[in-house]
Amino acid sequence: MQALLDHRSVGEDVADRWDVRVVASTASTNSDLLREARSGRTFARPVLLAAETQTAGRGRLGRSWRSAPGASLTVSYGLCVARRLAELEGLSLVCGLAVRDALARHGVHVQLKWPNDVLVDGRKLAGILVEAHTLAASTVAIVGIGVNVLPQAFDVAVDVAAGSASHASASLTPTDLKSAGCPLDDRNVLATDLGIALDTLLARFAEAGFAAFASEWNAADGFRNRSVSLETGPRQAVAGIARGVDARGALLIEIDGVQMPFIAGDLSLRAIDAL
């Protein structure tokens, strides 16, 4: 039986450094923390906000989803990053590496899909939504993470077929920790591990930027050297071969022998050979 989220259990290892909160239900944990940031909170002490149920979770491209109670981990982390907004290129990719590191502690080995999906054998296990609020010389980063824990996680009604804790995006089949061979019975531990991994990697990111992570991210890229179609807008797409990311975190696609960088935030990626 899946243990309920509990702020004492989540905060057992991070209570001295984190403001840990657990709520039964909210519209969106990301929206809650972003509202606090916009009202003046600096997040000098990081915040971990987990919810048993999200009724209006938000994903990329305006997608909306809701989570099934107990079947997923839906959590947002609010941290202050000592970089200005213009210096945050690649931040969501670093967060993907943090999710990878936390899941590895539970014996789950994943691949990453640019810019914010976490895969197991080509299936979507988790998703990430990073939002930012700029301060004078730093930035508040709100990192929302949804991990499918049980098959019921993506067997719920959604506004659009996407979202990290419900249906996967149209081009990805969903999976969950149980189906991936990790019957996690305590999401509190995973919530803590995710926070610790984010704390560690974002401190390094603040010092060195994404360039320090580029080769590591490329090694985890599940789409590298595959034929892909990259949608750049309504009825617009480019086709080529994915060649990983550059030092800024831009996706590189080889088109007619030339590698072209793509970094706009509303791009979606599909592997042609997986259709």
Protein backbone atom coordinates (compact mmCIF):
# COMPACT_ATOMS: atom_id res chain seq x y z
CA MET A 1 0.00 0.00 0.00
CA GLN A 2 1.31 3.44 -0.94
CA ALA A 3 2.29 5.52 2.09
CA LEU A 4 0.74 8.98 2.28
CA LEU A 5 2.92 12.01 1.82
CA ASP A 6 3.88 13.48 5.18
CA HIS A 7 5.94 16.60 5.82
CA ARG A 8 7.76 14.98 8.77
CA SER A 9 8.81 12.00 6.67
CA VAL A 10 9.80 14.14 3.70
CA GLY A 11 11.70 16.59 5.88
CA GLU A 12 13.55 14.04 8.00
CA ASP A 13 16.83 14.49 6.11
CA VAL A 14 16.42 18.08 4.88
CA ALA A 15 14.47 19.86 7.64
CA ASP A 16 17.56 21.84 8.67
CA ARG A 17 17.91 23.30 5.15
CA TRP A 18 14.43 23.18 3.59
CA ASP A 19 10.96 24.51 4.31
CA VAL A 20 8.98 21.30 3.75
CA ARG A 21 5.23 21.38 3.14
CA VAL A 22 2.68 18.73 2.18
CA VAL A 23 -0.92 19.47 1.19
CA ALA A 24 -3.78 17.12 0.43
CA SER A 25 -4.84 19.00 -2.71
CA THR A 26 -4.02 22.11 -4.68
CA ALA A 27 -4.53 23.35 -8.20
CA SER A 28 -0.80 23.50 -8.98
CA THR A 29 2.22 23.36 -6.68
CA ASN A 30 4.23 25.35 -9.24
CA SER A 31 1.59 28.08 -9.32
CA ASP A 32 1.54 28.22 -5.52
CA LEU A 33 5.30 28.78 -5.25
CA LEU A 34 5.45 31.14 -8.22
CA ARG A 35 2.76 33.26 -6.55
CA GLU A 36 4.94 33.48 -3.44
CA ALA A 37 7.97 34.49 -5.50
CA ARG A 38 6.03 37.24 -7.23
CA SER A 39 4.81 38.54 -3.88
CA GLY A 40 8.40 39.10 -2.75
CA ARG A 41 9.66 35.83 -1.25
CA THR A 42 13.37 35.34 -2.04
CA PHE A 43 13.56 31.60 -1.23
CA ALA A 44 16.87 32.03 0.58
CA ARG A 45 15.71 28.86 2.35
CA PRO A 46 14.50 26.43 -0.33
CA VAL A 47 10.90 25.23 -0.26
CA LEU A 48 9.65 21.72 -1.02
CA LEU A 49 5.89 21.61 -1.67
CA ALA A 50 4.29 18.23 -2.34
CA ALA A 51 0.61 17.50 -3.00
CA GLU A 52 -1.35 14.27 -2.91
CA THR A 53 -3.57 15.63 -5.67
CA GLN A 54 -3.14 18.41 -8.21
CA THR A 55 -6.35 19.44 -9.94
CA ALA A 56 -4.86 21.84 -12.52
CA GLY A 57 -1.23 20.86 -12.94
CA ARG A 58 0.60 22.68 -15.71
CA GLY A 59 3.01 21.35 -18.30
CA ARG A 60 4.79 22.77 -21.33
CA LEU A 61 2.85 24.41 -24.16
CA GLY A 62 -0.04 25.25 -21.82
CA ARG A 63 -0.97 21.61 -21.28
CA SER A 64 -3.03 20.85 -18.20
CA TRP A 65 -3.43 17.65 -16.19
CA ARG A 66 -4.63 16.32 -12.86
CA SER A 67 -3.01 13.66 -10.74
CA ALA A 68 -4.50 10.49 -9.29
CA PRO A 69 -4.16 10.37 -5.46
CA GLY A 70 -1.34 8.08 -4.34
CA ALA A 71 -0.39 7.03 -7.86
CA SER A 72 2.20 9.72 -8.56
CA LEU A 73 4.61 12.07 -6.89
CA THR A 74 3.77 15.67 -7.73
CA VAL A 75 6.12 18.11 -6.09
CA SER A 76 7.61 21.55 -6.68
CA TYR A 77 10.85 22.96 -5.38
CA GLY A 78 11.52 26.68 -4.96
CA LEU A 79 15.21 27.63 -4.86
CA CYS A 80 17.26 30.78 -5.27
CA VAL A 81 19.88 30.43 -8.01
CA ALA A 82 22.74 32.92 -7.92
CA ARG A 83 22.41 33.77 -11.61
CA ARG A 84 20.42 36.36 -13.51
CA LEU A 85 17.57 35.22 -15.72
CA ALA A 86 19.64 35.66 -18.88
CA GLU A 87 22.24 33.25 -17.46
CA LEU A 88 19.85 30.35 -16.91
CA GLU A 89 20.19 28.64 -20.28
CA GLY A 90 20.11 24.89 -19.79
CA LEU A 91 18.55 25.04 -16.32
CA SER A 92 15.74 22.61 -17.14
CA LEU A 93 18.30 20.16 -18.55
CA VAL A 94 20.26 20.25 -15.29
CA CYS A 95 17.03 19.55 -13.41
CA GLY A 96 16.60 16.49 -15.63
CA LEU A 97 20.01 15.27 -14.54
CA ALA A 98 18.97 15.76 -10.90
CA VAL A 99 15.87 13.62 -11.45
CA ARG A 100 18.09 11.00 -13.08
CA ASP A 101 20.42 10.99 -10.07
CA ALA A 102 17.57 10.68 -7.57
CA LEU A 103 15.93 7.81 -9.45
CA ALA A 104 19.27 6.00 -9.73
CA ARG A 105 19.32 5.78 -5.94
CA HIS A 106 16.19 3.63 -6.29
CA GLY A 107 17.70 1.41 -8.96
CA VAL A 108 15.88 3.09 -11.86
CA HIS A 109 18.11 4.03 -14.79
CA VAL A 110 16.60 6.56 -17.16
CA GLN A 111 17.27 8.48 -20.35
CA LEU A 112 16.48 12.14 -20.93
CA LYS A 113 14.53 13.77 -23.76
CA TRP A 114 15.10 17.42 -24.59
CA PRO A 115 14.06 19.59 -22.92
CA ASN A 116 12.21 18.16 -19.93
CA ASP A 117 11.12 14.51 -20.14
CA VAL A 118 12.50 11.51 -18.27
CA LEU A 119 12.25 8.14 -20.02
CA VAL A 120 12.60 4.45 -19.29
CA ASP A 121 13.08 2.36 -22.43
CA GLY A 122 11.58 5.16 -24.53
CA ARG A 123 8.50 5.54 -22.33
CA LYS A 124 7.74 8.65 -20.29
CA LEU A 125 8.25 8.15 -16.56
CA ALA A 126 8.45 11.76 -15.39
CA GLY A 127 8.25 15.34 -16.56
CA ILE A 128 9.69 18.64 -15.41
CA LEU A 129 8.38 22.20 -15.60
CA VAL A 130 10.83 24.98 -14.68
CA GLU A 131 9.60 28.53 -14.15
CA ALA A 132 11.59 31.51 -12.96
CA HIS A 133 11.11 34.85 -11.23
CA THR A 134 13.93 37.33 -11.51
CA LEU A 135 15.44 39.17 -8.53
CA ALA A 136 18.13 41.87 -8.51
CA ALA A 137 21.20 39.65 -8.95
CA SER A 138 19.69 36.19 -8.71
CA THR A 139 16.64 34.21 -9.78
CA VAL A 140 14.01 32.18 -7.99
CA ALA A 141 13.64 28.88 -9.83
CA ILE A 142 10.41 26.90 -9.39
CA VAL A 143 11.04 23.31 -10.42
CA GLY A 144 7.92 21.18 -10.77
CA ILE A 145 8.45 17.43 -11.04
CA GLY A 146 5.86 14.74 -11.64
CA VAL A 147 6.80 11.07 -11.43
CA ASN A 148 4.41 8.27 -12.36
CA VAL A 149 4.58 5.79 -9.47
CA LEU A 150 1.72 3.40 -10.31
CA PRO A 151 -0.07 2.64 -13.61
CA GLN A 152 -3.12 4.57 -12.35
CA ALA A 153 -1.01 7.75 -12.53
CA PHE A 154 -1.74 8.20 -16.23
CA ASP A 155 -5.19 6.61 -16.19
CA VAL A 156 -7.03 9.83 -15.28
CA ALA A 157 -8.89 12.50 -17.24
CA VAL A 158 -6.77 15.36 -18.55
CA ASP A 159 -7.41 18.60 -20.39
CA VAL A 160 -4.71 17.86 -22.95
CA ALA A 161 -2.94 14.50 -23.38
CA ALA A 162 0.26 15.52 -21.65
CA GLY A 163 1.62 16.18 -18.22
CA SER A 164 4.18 14.56 -16.02
CA ALA A 165 1.86 12.75 -13.67
CA SER A 166 -0.87 11.75 -16.07
CA HIS A 167 -0.96 11.00 -19.78
CA ALA A 168 2.31 11.34 -21.60
CA SER A 169 2.63 13.67 -24.53
CA ALA A 170 1.16 12.46 -27.79
CA SER A 171 4.50 11.16 -29.02
CA LEU A 172 5.40 9.20 -25.89
CA THR A 173 3.87 6.15 -24.27
CA PRO A 174 3.69 6.50 -20.47
CA THR A 175 5.21 4.19 -17.90
CA ASP A 176 5.55 4.16 -14.12
CA LEU A 177 7.97 3.06 -11.42
CA LYS A 178 6.09 -0.16 -10.67
CA SER A 179 6.07 -1.18 -14.33
CA ALA A 180 9.76 -0.26 -14.53
CA GLY A 181 10.55 -2.75 -11.77
CA CYS A 182 10.65 -0.34 -8.82
CA PRO A 183 7.58 -0.85 -6.61
CA LEU A 184 8.16 2.31 -4.55
CA ASP A 185 5.99 2.22 -1.43
CA ASP A 186 7.15 5.49 0.12
CA ARG A 187 7.09 8.58 -2.07
CA ASN A 188 8.40 10.63 0.86
CA VAL A 189 11.86 9.18 0.32
CA LEU A 190 11.86 10.00 -3.37
CA ALA A 191 10.67 13.57 -2.70
CA THR A 192 13.61 14.02 -0.35
CA ASP A 193 16.10 12.48 -2.78
CA LEU A 194 14.89 14.79 -5.55
CA GLY A 195 15.40 17.83 -3.32
CA ILE A 196 18.90 16.78 -2.34
CA ALA A 197 19.87 16.13 -5.97
CA LEU A 198 18.50 19.51 -7.08
CA ASP A 199 20.30 21.27 -4.24
CA THR A 200 23.60 19.68 -5.27
CA LEU A 201 23.41 20.18 -9.04
CA LEU A 202 21.94 23.70 -8.96
CA ALA A 203 24.75 24.87 -6.67
CA ARG A 204 27.19 23.61 -9.28
CA PHE A 205 25.11 25.20 -12.06
CA ALA A 206 25.21 28.57 -10.27
CA GLU A 207 29.02 28.44 -10.33
CA ALA A 208 29.72 26.98 -13.75
CA GLY A 209 26.58 27.25 -15.90
CA PHE A 210 25.29 24.55 -18.22
CA ALA A 211 28.56 24.10 -20.11
CA ALA A 212 29.82 22.03 -17.17
CA PHE A 213 26.93 19.59 -17.68
CA ALA A 214 26.70 19.36 -21.48
CA SER A 215 28.70 16.17 -21.96
CA GLU A 216 26.93 14.49 -19.04
CA TRP A 217 23.52 15.40 -20.45
CA ASN A 218 24.49 14.16 -23.91
CA ALA A 219 25.49 10.82 -22.43
CA ALA A 220 21.98 10.49 -20.98
CA ASP A 221 20.16 11.69 -24.11
CA GLY A 222 17.71 9.05 -25.30
CA PHE A 223 17.25 10.69 -28.71
CA ARG A 224 20.85 11.37 -29.70
CA ASN A 225 21.81 10.23 -33.23
CA ARG A 226 18.21 9.38 -34.06
CA SER A 227 16.14 10.76 -36.91
CA VAL A 228 13.74 13.31 -35.45
CA SER A 229 11.06 15.78 -36.39
CA LEU A 230 11.12 19.00 -34.40
CA GLU A 231 7.87 20.96 -34.37
CA THR A 232 8.58 24.69 -34.36
CA GLY A 233 5.04 25.98 -34.61
CA PRO A 234 1.60 25.22 -36.07
CA ARG A 235 2.11 23.14 -39.21
CA GLN A 236 5.85 23.86 -39.09
CA ALA A 237 8.54 21.30 -38.45
CA VAL A 238 12.13 20.50 -39.30
CA ALA A 239 13.51 17.02 -39.82
CA GLY A 240 17.03 15.81 -39.27
CA ILE A 241 19.28 13.86 -36.94
CA ALA A 242 19.46 14.78 -33.24
CA ARG A 243 23.07 15.43 -32.19
CA GLY A 244 22.63 16.23 -28.51
CA VAL A 245 22.97 19.72 -27.04
CA ASP A 246 25.62 22.42 -27.13
CA ALA A 247 27.21 24.31 -24.24
CA ARG A 248 24.12 26.54 -23.94
CA GLY A 249 21.68 23.65 -23.81
CA ALA A 250 20.41 24.26 -27.34
CA LEU A 251 19.22 21.16 -29.18
CA LEU A 252 21.43 20.38 -32.17
CA ILE A 253 19.76 18.92 -35.25
CA GLU A 254 21.82 17.96 -38.25
CA ILE A 255 20.03 19.09 -41.42
CA ASP A 256 21.71 18.39 -44.75
CA GLY A 257 25.05 17.87 -43.02
CA VAL A 258 24.89 21.09 -40.97
CA GLN A 259 24.17 21.13 -37.23
CA MET A 260 21.54 23.75 -36.39
CA PRO A 261 20.81 24.86 -32.77
CA PHE A 262 17.24 25.16 -31.47
CA ILE A 263 16.61 26.71 -28.06
CA ALA A 264 13.09 28.21 -28.18
CA GLY A 265 10.94 27.09 -25.29
CA ASP A 266 7.88 25.82 -27.18
CA LEU A 267 9.44 23.11 -29.29
CA SER A 268 8.39 19.47 -29.19
CA LEU A 269 10.44 16.55 -30.34
CA ARG A 270 9.44 13.22 -31.87
CA ALA A 271 11.65 10.41 -33.02
CA ILE A 272 10.67 9.56 -36.60
CA ASP A 273 11.87 6.00 -36.17
CA ALA A 274 9.54 5.58 -33.18
CA LEU A 275 6.32 6.55 -34.98
